[in-house]
Amino acid sequence: MITFNYTGGLLHCEGVPVREITKRTGTPVYIYSKNKILKNLAEYGKAFSSVPHLLCYAVKANTGYAVCKTIFSAGAGAEVASGGELYRVLKAGADPRKIVFSGAGKTREEIEFAIRNGVLLINAESVEELSLINTLAGRMERAGQTGGAPRRAGGTSRVGQAGGTRQKILVGIRVNPDIDPHTHRHITTGKSENKFGIPLPFAMNVYRGSGQYSNLSVEGVHCHIGSQIVSTKPFVEMCMKLSSLIKKLRSTGIPVKWTDIGGGLGIKYKDESPPSPTELARKILPVLKPLGTKIILEPGRYIVGNAGILVTKVIYRKRGMQKNFLVVDAGMTDLIRPALYDAYHEISPVEKSLAGRRRVDRVQADRVQADRVRVGRMQAGRMQVGRMQVDVVGPICETSDYLGWDRHLPWLPQGALLAVSCAGAYSSSMSSTYNSRPRATEVMVDGAVWKIIREREDYGDLTRGERTG
């Protein structure tokens, strides 16, 4: 089944007409394909099936309860970056023994929450964090507050300094390899100027000093170099540096049993040609496989990005001196990627036939035609038959509030629906209530069946928890 397809001139998600969904939900609305999520997940897992691995979905991409539950029900684990994300994935049924906790600024409370719930692995990003995890782990061990997940690879225990048998917290160290992934600078995470990880030249000394942390078992190496990476070269370079580090560590008697290579594999938004998971595995497994470690994978965007769309409605058509605008009811509060990353998302009419006809009366049609002539004279070469070059903009009081610039679209009437593609990742999870706009409805489609998985917020939700003083 093609996930998003036109049947009878109407856009469908799997077997459901998008227009039928919006009749009940209104707009804006995020629509996700359950089967596309599962297909992407299976493709990623199959690519690495020749080696021991753990696939941990990067929850930050889409934190929705139903989305997460779909992924965890298929056997995947989770990569979380906050206590809130950890709470969400536990509520959605994630196995704590498949949860990896990353993030550059974990608080004392978040670390305690992770230890208490028995997550598999905590990836530390600094010497200070290692020390804090060790202190908290010791205190919680004495108080009997540690969780039930295995503390070492294989689920065994270790003899502590006092001679008794005790559990230790399994920890990885995130290293910064100073690699340029050639992506947008805001989502580059493995260069030397980025805040993430311990610089690779310092890593050996940090690992050597890890023996002082009596409550930790430091057996992992972690690295994540960025997001929306569309070439295998940065991944290969990263894996070669990790391989070199692991070999050096083992030569000094330091065990490494887990190699966490993060995520970052990109998807096609416009004209990119990102590698598939199979192509990625083909390039990096010859480097990683000889190490004999278990590989942790943290895909996020690849799993959910192209499995979702954002549907929005035209509110106004506005003709300017230099530009023409379609003002829609979704904006940067619903999809901030264009404003934040200059990101491109394909935008298409939900009703394809609107490209060839106008739902306006004769007077309106004459006015539109006259305006076309005027605008065409001012903007020679910018017109296409039945279409205009327009900016698709939202209702927010910011110039950066746009979904797409200079798009060739029909001069759509008020009420017409547009679908913004690849809105399954970093869309809803990065949404806000700026301008006091309630967050949008979210829907999951499974074949010919669909259901609301998150209700639209109302005005009451905007002030919930506030006090007057």
Protein backbone atom coordinates (compact mmCIF):
# COMPACT_ATOMS: atom_id res chain seq x y z
CA MET A 1 0.00 0.00 0.00
CA ILE A 2 1.28 3.47 -0.91
CA THR A 3 1.13 5.51 2.28
CA PHE A 4 0.03 8.88 0.90
CA ASN A 5 -1.65 8.62 -2.48
CA TYR A 6 -4.22 10.33 -4.68
CA THR A 7 -7.27 8.22 -5.43
CA GLY A 8 -10.08 9.80 -7.40
CA GLY A 9 -8.30 13.14 -7.15
CA LEU A 10 -8.30 13.08 -3.33
CA LEU A 11 -5.29 12.58 -1.08
CA HIS A 12 -5.50 9.44 1.05
CA CYS A 13 -3.48 8.22 4.00
CA GLU A 14 -3.41 4.47 3.47
CA GLY A 15 -7.09 3.72 2.77
CA VAL A 16 -8.63 6.83 4.31
CA PRO A 17 -9.42 10.08 2.44
CA VAL A 18 -7.69 12.94 4.25
CA ARG A 19 -10.70 15.19 3.67
CA GLU A 20 -12.93 12.78 5.60
CA ILE A 21 -10.61 13.01 8.59
CA THR A 22 -10.63 16.81 8.59
CA LYS A 23 -14.44 16.89 8.51
CA ARG A 24 -14.35 15.53 12.04
CA THR A 25 -11.08 16.91 13.41
CA GLY A 26 -10.86 20.30 11.77
CA THR A 27 -7.46 21.76 10.99
CA PRO A 28 -4.57 21.90 11.57
CA VAL A 29 -4.21 18.16 12.08
CA TYR A 30 -1.25 15.80 12.04
CA ILE A 31 -1.99 12.48 10.32
CA TYR A 32 0.29 9.46 10.80
CA SER A 33 0.41 6.13 9.00
CA LYS A 34 0.85 3.26 11.45
CA ASN A 35 1.93 0.85 8.75
CA LYS A 36 4.55 3.21 7.35
CA ILE A 37 6.06 3.58 10.83
CA LEU A 38 6.23 -0.20 11.20
CA LYS A 39 7.66 -0.61 7.71
CA ASN A 40 10.43 1.91 8.38
CA LEU A 41 11.21 0.26 11.71
CA ALA A 42 11.42 -3.20 10.15
CA GLU A 43 13.65 -1.93 7.36
CA TYR A 44 16.12 -0.45 9.84
CA GLY A 45 16.22 -3.58 11.97
CA LYS A 46 16.66 -5.89 8.99
CA ALA A 47 19.63 -3.86 7.74
CA PHE A 48 21.57 -4.64 10.93
CA SER A 49 20.25 -8.16 11.50
CA SER A 50 23.66 -9.74 10.88
CA VAL A 51 25.06 -8.33 14.14
CA PRO A 52 23.86 -8.22 17.75
CA HIS A 53 22.08 -4.90 18.03
CA LEU A 54 19.47 -2.96 19.94
CA LEU A 55 17.29 -0.48 18.09
CA CYS A 56 16.33 2.40 20.38
CA TYR A 57 13.85 4.82 18.82
CA ALA A 58 14.91 8.44 19.38
CA VAL A 59 11.78 9.63 21.13
CA LYS A 60 12.51 13.33 20.57
CA ALA A 61 11.46 12.91 16.93
CA ASN A 62 7.84 12.25 17.90
CA THR A 63 6.89 11.82 21.55
CA GLY A 64 3.26 10.91 20.91
CA TYR A 65 1.97 8.17 23.20
CA ALA A 66 0.31 6.18 20.39
CA VAL A 67 3.31 6.58 18.08
CA CYS A 68 5.68 5.35 20.80
CA LYS A 69 3.40 2.48 21.76
CA THR A 70 3.28 1.34 18.12
CA ILE A 71 7.07 1.26 17.99
CA PHE A 72 7.62 -0.43 21.35
CA SER A 73 4.96 -3.04 20.60
CA ALA A 74 7.10 -4.04 17.62
CA GLY A 75 10.03 -4.79 19.95
CA ALA A 76 12.09 -1.62 19.73
CA GLY A 77 13.62 0.18 22.67
CA ALA A 78 13.90 3.91 23.31
CA GLU A 79 16.53 6.61 23.44
CA VAL A 80 15.43 9.40 25.75
CA ALA A 81 16.96 12.80 26.46
CA SER A 82 15.00 13.94 29.52
CA GLY A 83 13.06 12.73 32.51
CA GLY A 84 9.87 13.70 30.72
CA GLU A 85 10.71 11.54 27.72
CA LEU A 86 11.56 8.67 30.07
CA TYR A 87 8.18 9.07 31.77
CA ARG A 88 6.43 9.06 28.39
CA VAL A 89 8.10 5.91 27.09
CA LEU A 90 7.51 3.99 30.31
CA LYS A 91 3.85 4.98 30.14
CA ALA A 92 3.78 3.79 26.50
CA GLY A 93 5.08 0.37 27.47
CA ALA A 94 8.81 0.55 26.73
CA ASP A 95 10.93 -2.17 28.32
CA PRO A 96 13.31 -0.42 30.77
CA ARG A 97 16.00 -2.92 29.75
CA LYS A 98 15.85 -1.40 26.26
CA ILE A 99 16.03 2.26 27.29
CA VAL A 100 19.13 4.40 26.78
CA PHE A 101 19.28 7.77 28.57
CA SER A 102 21.34 10.41 26.75
CA GLY A 103 21.49 14.20 26.95
CA ALA A 104 24.03 16.88 27.81
CA GLY A 105 22.29 18.32 30.87
CA LYS A 106 20.73 15.55 32.94
CA THR A 107 19.60 16.83 36.32
CA ARG A 108 20.00 15.03 39.64
CA GLU A 109 16.26 14.28 39.66
CA GLU A 110 16.34 12.87 36.12
CA ILE A 111 19.29 10.60 36.87
CA GLU A 112 17.58 9.33 40.01
CA PHE A 113 14.40 8.69 38.01
CA ALA A 114 16.39 6.69 35.44
CA ILE A 115 18.18 4.61 38.08
CA ARG A 116 14.97 4.00 39.99
CA ASN A 117 13.27 2.67 36.85
CA GLY A 118 16.19 0.45 35.89
CA VAL A 119 17.10 1.79 32.45
CA LEU A 120 19.65 -0.24 30.52
CA LEU A 121 22.30 2.42 29.94
CA ILE A 122 23.05 6.01 30.89
CA ASN A 123 25.34 7.83 28.46
CA ALA A 124 27.42 10.36 30.39
CA GLU A 125 28.66 13.49 28.65
CA SER A 126 31.18 14.86 31.15
CA VAL A 127 33.43 13.88 34.05
CA GLU A 128 31.15 15.86 36.36
CA GLU A 129 28.16 13.83 35.22
CA LEU A 130 30.02 10.55 35.79
CA SER A 131 30.77 11.66 39.32
CA LEU A 132 27.14 12.62 39.96
CA ILE A 133 25.77 9.34 38.59
CA ASN A 134 28.22 7.45 40.79
CA THR A 135 27.23 9.40 43.91
CA LEU A 136 23.50 9.00 43.29
CA ALA A 137 23.84 5.32 42.42
CA GLY A 138 25.67 4.60 45.66
CA ARG A 139 23.16 6.50 47.74
CA MET A 140 20.19 4.81 46.06
CA GLU A 141 21.79 1.37 46.30
CA ARG A 142 22.15 1.78 50.04
CA ALA A 143 18.54 2.94 50.28
CA GLY A 144 17.31 0.06 48.13
CA GLN A 145 15.97 2.43 45.47
CA THR A 146 17.67 1.07 42.35
CA GLY A 147 15.55 -0.45 39.60
CA GLY A 148 15.36 -4.05 38.50
CA ALA A 149 17.07 -3.85 35.10
CA PRO A 150 20.42 -5.64 34.66
CA ARG A 151 23.29 -3.40 35.62
CA ARG A 152 25.84 -4.97 33.33
CA ALA A 153 25.73 -6.43 29.86
CA GLY A 154 24.37 -9.94 30.19
CA GLY A 155 22.51 -9.17 33.41
CA THR A 156 25.28 -10.23 35.80
CA SER A 157 26.40 -8.52 38.98
CA ARG A 158 29.82 -7.40 40.05
CA VAL A 159 31.73 -7.65 43.30
CA GLY A 160 32.02 -4.26 44.97
CA GLN A 161 34.99 -2.78 46.77
CA ALA A 162 33.71 -3.92 50.14
CA GLY A 163 33.75 -7.54 48.98
CA GLY A 164 29.98 -8.00 48.78
CA THR A 165 27.95 -8.72 45.67
CA ARG A 166 26.25 -5.61 44.40
CA GLN A 167 24.76 -4.19 41.24
CA LYS A 168 26.44 -1.43 39.31
CA ILE A 169 24.89 1.10 36.97
CA LEU A 170 25.81 0.44 33.34
CA VAL A 171 27.25 3.62 31.83
CA GLY A 172 28.54 4.68 28.43
CA ILE A 173 30.67 7.72 27.73
CA ARG A 174 29.69 9.99 24.88
CA VAL A 175 32.68 11.11 22.87
CA ASN A 176 32.92 14.04 20.50
CA PRO A 177 34.90 12.97 17.40
CA ASP A 178 35.03 16.42 15.71
CA ILE A 179 33.31 15.27 12.53
CA ASP A 180 31.36 17.52 10.19
CA PRO A 181 28.19 15.66 9.13
CA HIS A 182 27.41 18.31 6.49
CA THR A 183 23.95 19.11 7.75
CA HIS A 184 22.34 22.28 9.09
CA ARG A 185 24.53 23.88 11.75
CA HIS A 186 21.73 23.78 14.32
CA ILE A 187 21.59 19.98 14.18
CA THR A 188 25.32 19.28 14.04
CA THR A 189 26.32 17.56 17.28
CA GLY A 190 29.74 15.99 16.69
CA LYS A 191 32.00 18.93 15.90
CA SER A 192 34.55 20.23 18.39
CA GLU A 193 32.62 23.46 18.95
CA ASN A 194 29.41 21.58 19.83
CA LYS A 195 28.39 21.12 23.45
CA PHE A 196 28.00 17.36 23.25
CA GLY A 197 30.30 14.66 24.57
CA ILE A 198 33.88 14.45 25.77
CA PRO A 199 36.50 15.45 23.17
CA LEU A 200 37.99 12.31 21.67
CA PRO A 201 41.59 13.23 22.66
CA PHE A 202 40.46 13.35 26.32
CA ALA A 203 38.48 10.12 26.23
CA MET A 204 41.30 7.68 27.08
CA ASN A 205 42.08 9.48 30.33
CA VAL A 206 38.40 9.62 31.28
CA TYR A 207 38.01 5.87 30.73
CA ARG A 208 41.22 5.16 32.64
CA GLY A 209 39.86 7.16 35.55
CA SER A 210 36.50 5.41 35.53
CA GLY A 211 37.74 2.80 37.98
CA GLN A 212 37.32 5.32 40.78
CA TYR A 213 33.53 5.18 40.33
CA SER A 214 32.73 2.19 42.50
CA ASN A 215 29.02 2.22 41.69
CA LEU A 216 29.40 2.34 37.90
CA SER A 217 30.27 -0.19 35.24
CA VAL A 218 31.65 1.89 32.37
CA GLU A 219 31.38 -0.50 29.43
CA GLY A 220 29.93 1.61 26.62
CA VAL A 221 31.10 4.08 24.00
CA HIS A 222 28.52 6.49 22.63
CA CYS A 223 28.62 8.93 19.72
CA HIS A 224 26.00 10.91 17.81
CA ILE A 225 27.24 13.39 15.21
CA GLY A 226 24.08 15.07 13.96
CA SER A 227 20.70 14.82 12.32
CA GLN A 228 19.38 14.68 8.73
CA ILE A 229 22.69 13.29 7.41
CA VAL A 230 22.41 12.33 3.75
CA SER A 231 25.77 10.64 3.14
CA THR A 232 27.41 7.53 4.58
CA LYS A 233 30.85 9.20 4.73
CA PRO A 234 30.41 10.95 8.11
CA PHE A 235 29.09 7.71 9.63
CA VAL A 236 32.05 5.73 8.31
CA GLU A 237 34.49 8.31 9.66
CA MET A 238 32.75 8.22 13.04
CA CYS A 239 32.85 4.41 13.21
CA MET A 240 36.52 4.30 12.30
CA LYS A 241 37.33 6.70 15.14
CA LEU A 242 35.21 4.70 17.56
CA SER A 243 36.89 1.48 16.46
CA SER A 244 40.32 2.97 17.07
CA LEU A 245 39.28 4.16 20.53
CA ILE A 246 37.77 0.81 21.51
CA LYS A 247 40.89 -1.07 20.43
CA LYS A 248 43.06 1.26 22.52
CA LEU A 249 40.78 0.85 25.52
CA ARG A 250 40.88 -2.92 25.29
CA SER A 251 44.66 -2.91 24.96
CA THR A 252 44.82 -1.29 28.39
CA GLY A 253 42.39 -3.75 29.95
CA ILE A 254 39.27 -1.58 29.79
CA PRO A 255 36.27 -3.63 28.62
CA VAL A 256 33.89 -2.21 26.03
CA LYS A 257 30.76 -4.25 25.38
CA TRP A 258 28.41 -1.67 23.87
CA THR A 259 28.93 0.63 20.89
CA ASP A 260 26.17 3.22 20.64
CA ILE A 261 26.44 4.95 17.25
CA GLY A 262 23.44 7.23 17.73
CA GLY A 263 21.12 8.08 14.88
CA GLY A 264 20.99 10.88 12.32
CA LEU A 265 20.15 9.07 9.08
CA GLY A 266 18.27 11.53 6.88
CA ILE A 267 15.16 11.28 4.74
CA LYS A 268 14.16 12.88 1.46
CA TYR A 269 12.39 16.21 1.89
CA LYS A 270 13.15 17.71 -1.53
CA ASP A 271 15.98 16.59 -3.79
CA GLU A 272 18.26 14.86 -1.29
CA SER A 273 19.48 11.32 -1.95
CA PRO A 274 19.98 9.90 1.53
CA PRO A 275 21.30 6.35 1.91
CA SER A 276 18.96 3.60 3.02
CA PRO A 277 19.59 1.73 6.28
CA THR A 278 20.87 -1.17 4.17
CA GLU A 279 23.39 1.08 2.43
CA LEU A 280 24.46 2.52 5.77
CA ALA A 281 24.93 -0.93 7.28
CA ARG A 282 26.91 -2.09 4.26
CA LYS A 283 29.37 0.76 4.80
CA ILE A 284 29.82 0.72 8.58
CA LEU A 285 29.45 -2.92 9.62
CA PRO A 286 32.84 -3.93 8.16
CA VAL A 287 34.30 -1.44 10.65
CA LEU A 288 32.14 -2.33 13.65
CA LYS A 289 31.57 -6.07 13.30
CA PRO A 290 35.16 -7.15 14.13
CA LEU A 291 34.87 -5.37 17.49
CA GLY A 292 32.34 -7.92 18.71
CA THR A 293 30.34 -5.37 20.68
CA LYS A 294 26.58 -5.07 20.75
CA ILE A 295 25.56 -2.11 18.60
CA ILE A 296 22.97 0.39 19.74
CA LEU A 297 21.12 2.28 17.00
CA GLU A 298 19.09 5.43 17.70
CA PRO A 299 17.00 6.26 14.60
CA GLY A 300 14.23 8.80 15.01
CA ARG A 301 13.49 10.84 11.91
CA TYR A 302 13.92 7.80 9.66
CA ILE A 303 11.23 5.89 11.55
CA VAL A 304 8.50 8.53 11.69
CA GLY A 305 9.46 11.45 9.41
CA ASN A 306 7.82 10.38 6.15
CA ALA A 307 5.02 8.58 7.99
CA GLY A 308 3.20 11.80 8.80
CA ILE A 309 1.68 14.88 7.19
CA LEU A 310 0.34 18.15 8.54
CA VAL A 311 -2.98 19.19 7.01
CA THR A 312 -3.87 22.87 7.04
CA LYS A 313 -6.64 25.05 5.62
CA VAL A 314 -6.42 28.18 3.49
CA ILE A 315 -7.83 31.13 5.46
CA TYR A 316 -7.06 33.97 3.06
CA ARG A 317 -5.50 34.67 -0.30
CA LYS A 318 -3.43 37.81 -0.28
CA ARG A 319 -1.89 39.56 -3.27
CA GLY A 320 1.09 41.82 -2.55
CA MET A 321 3.27 44.09 -4.65
CA GLN A 322 6.15 41.63 -4.71
CA LYS A 323 4.66 38.39 -3.46
CA ASN A 324 1.43 36.44 -3.33
CA PHE A 325 0.41 34.69 -0.13
CA LEU A 326 -1.75 31.79 0.89
CA VAL A 327 -2.46 32.38 4.58
CA VAL A 328 -3.21 29.07 6.29
CA ASP A 329 -4.25 28.05 9.80
CA ALA A 330 -1.04 26.13 10.59
CA GLY A 331 2.16 27.96 11.35
CA MET A 332 5.48 27.85 13.11
CA THR A 333 3.71 26.73 16.28
CA ASP A 334 2.82 23.50 14.47
CA LEU A 335 5.88 23.11 12.23
CA ILE A 336 8.88 25.19 13.26
CA ARG A 337 11.43 23.47 11.03
CA PRO A 338 11.16 25.97 8.13
CA ALA A 339 11.69 28.91 10.50
CA LEU A 340 14.39 27.23 12.60
CA TYR A 341 16.35 25.28 9.99
CA ASP A 342 15.28 26.85 6.67
CA ALA A 343 13.82 23.41 6.05
CA TYR A 344 11.85 22.45 2.94
CA HIS A 345 8.60 20.49 3.13
CA GLU A 346 6.61 19.61 0.02
CA ILE A 347 3.15 21.23 0.05
CA SER A 348 0.30 19.86 -2.07
CA PRO A 349 -3.47 20.36 -2.38
CA VAL A 350 -5.47 17.65 -0.67
CA GLU A 351 -7.93 17.86 -3.55
CA LYS A 352 -5.88 17.53 -6.72
CA SER A 353 -8.66 18.76 -8.99
CA LEU A 354 -8.40 22.22 -7.42
CA ALA A 355 -5.34 22.73 -9.58
CA GLY A 356 -7.58 22.88 -12.61
CA ARG A 357 -10.74 24.63 -11.45
CA ARG A 358 -11.86 27.53 -9.30
CA ARG A 359 -14.61 27.43 -6.70
CA VAL A 360 -15.38 31.08 -7.09
CA ASP A 361 -18.23 32.92 -8.72
CA ARG A 362 -17.86 34.69 -12.07
CA VAL A 363 -17.10 38.09 -10.56
CA GLN A 364 -14.38 36.64 -8.35
CA ALA A 365 -12.95 34.74 -11.29
CA ASP A 366 -12.73 37.91 -13.36
CA ARG A 367 -10.98 39.72 -10.53
CA VAL A 368 -8.50 36.91 -10.06
CA GLN A 369 -7.75 36.89 -13.78
CA ALA A 370 -7.18 40.65 -13.80
CA ASP A 371 -4.87 40.35 -10.82
CA ARG A 372 -2.97 37.59 -12.55
CA VAL A 373 -2.31 39.85 -15.51
CA ARG A 374 -1.16 42.67 -13.22
CA VAL A 375 1.06 40.42 -11.12
CA GLY A 376 2.33 38.67 -14.22
CA ARG A 377 3.54 41.98 -15.63
CA MET A 378 5.32 42.81 -12.37
CA GLN A 379 6.79 39.34 -11.97
CA ALA A 380 7.56 38.15 -15.47
CA GLY A 381 8.41 34.48 -15.64
CA ARG A 382 6.92 33.67 -12.24
CA MET A 383 3.58 32.34 -13.51
CA GLN A 384 2.58 28.85 -14.59
CA VAL A 385 -0.63 27.82 -16.28
CA GLY A 386 -3.29 27.43 -13.58
CA ARG A 387 -0.77 28.18 -10.86
CA MET A 388 0.92 31.07 -9.11
CA GLN A 389 4.14 31.46 -7.20
CA VAL A 390 3.10 31.94 -3.60
CA ASP A 391 4.42 31.93 -0.07
CA VAL A 392 2.47 29.62 2.21
CA VAL A 393 2.39 31.47 5.52
CA GLY A 394 0.81 30.96 8.92
CA PRO A 395 -1.21 33.16 11.29
CA ILE A 396 1.59 33.89 13.78
CA CYS A 397 2.85 37.46 14.19
CA GLU A 398 6.39 36.68 13.04
CA THR A 399 7.85 37.16 9.57
CA SER A 400 9.56 33.79 10.00
CA ASP A 401 6.14 32.13 10.28
CA TYR A 402 6.00 30.29 6.98
CA LEU A 403 5.61 26.73 5.75
CA GLY A 404 7.02 27.29 2.28
CA TRP A 405 8.47 30.09 0.17
CA ASP A 406 8.03 30.57 -3.57
CA ARG A 407 5.85 27.53 -4.19
CA HIS A 408 3.99 27.01 -7.46
CA LEU A 409 0.48 26.22 -6.30
CA PRO A 410 -3.08 26.82 -7.49
CA TRP A 411 -4.61 30.12 -6.36
CA LEU A 412 -6.66 28.09 -3.92
CA PRO A 413 -9.97 29.33 -2.51
CA GLN A 414 -10.69 29.87 1.15
CA GLY A 415 -11.29 26.58 2.91
CA ALA A 416 -9.12 24.53 0.55
CA LEU A 417 -6.86 21.99 2.25
CA LEU A 418 -3.11 21.64 1.89
CA ALA A 419 -0.93 18.73 3.00
CA VAL A 420 2.59 19.39 4.26
CA SER A 421 4.70 16.28 3.75
CA CYS A 422 7.25 14.61 6.02
CA ALA A 423 5.74 16.13 9.16
CA GLY A 424 6.02 12.99 11.26
CA ALA A 425 9.29 14.02 12.90
CA TYR A 426 10.22 17.18 14.80
CA SER A 427 6.83 18.72 14.12
CA SER A 428 4.34 17.90 16.86
CA SER A 429 7.19 17.26 19.32
CA MET A 430 8.51 20.80 18.72
CA SER A 431 5.10 22.48 18.68
CA SER A 432 4.26 25.35 21.00
CA THR A 433 1.40 27.56 22.14
CA TYR A 434 3.03 30.82 21.06
CA ASN A 435 0.41 33.53 20.43
CA SER A 436 -1.74 31.39 22.77
CA ARG A 437 -2.71 29.04 19.96
CA PRO A 438 -3.90 25.60 21.15
CA ARG A 439 -1.95 22.60 19.87
CA ALA A 440 -3.40 20.62 16.98
CA THR A 441 -5.21 17.30 16.83
CA GLU A 442 -3.22 14.17 15.98
CA VAL A 443 -4.57 11.13 14.14
CA MET A 444 -3.29 7.60 13.47
CA VAL A 445 -4.41 5.67 10.38
CA ASP A 446 -4.27 1.88 10.14
CA GLY A 447 -5.51 0.66 6.77
CA ALA A 448 -9.11 1.84 6.40
CA VAL A 449 -9.44 2.72 10.09
CA TRP A 450 -8.37 5.91 11.84
CA LYS A 451 -8.58 7.33 15.32
CA ILE A 452 -7.72 10.50 17.17
CA ILE A 453 -4.61 9.91 19.28
CA ARG A 454 -4.39 13.41 20.70
CA GLU A 455 -7.31 15.79 21.11
CA ARG A 456 -6.99 19.39 20.04
CA GLU A 457 -6.26 21.67 22.96
CA ASP A 458 -8.83 24.30 23.87
CA TYR A 459 -8.45 27.73 25.43
CA GLY A 460 -8.85 26.25 28.89
CA ASP A 461 -5.75 24.14 28.34
CA LEU A 462 -3.74 27.30 27.73
CA THR A 463 -4.20 28.58 31.28
CA ARG A 464 -4.31 25.28 33.14
CA GLY A 465 -1.93 25.36 36.09
CA GLU A 466 -1.58 29.14 36.12
CA ARG A 467 -2.29 31.32 39.14
CA THR A 468 -3.20 34.98 39.44
CA GLY A 469 -0.80 35.61 42.30
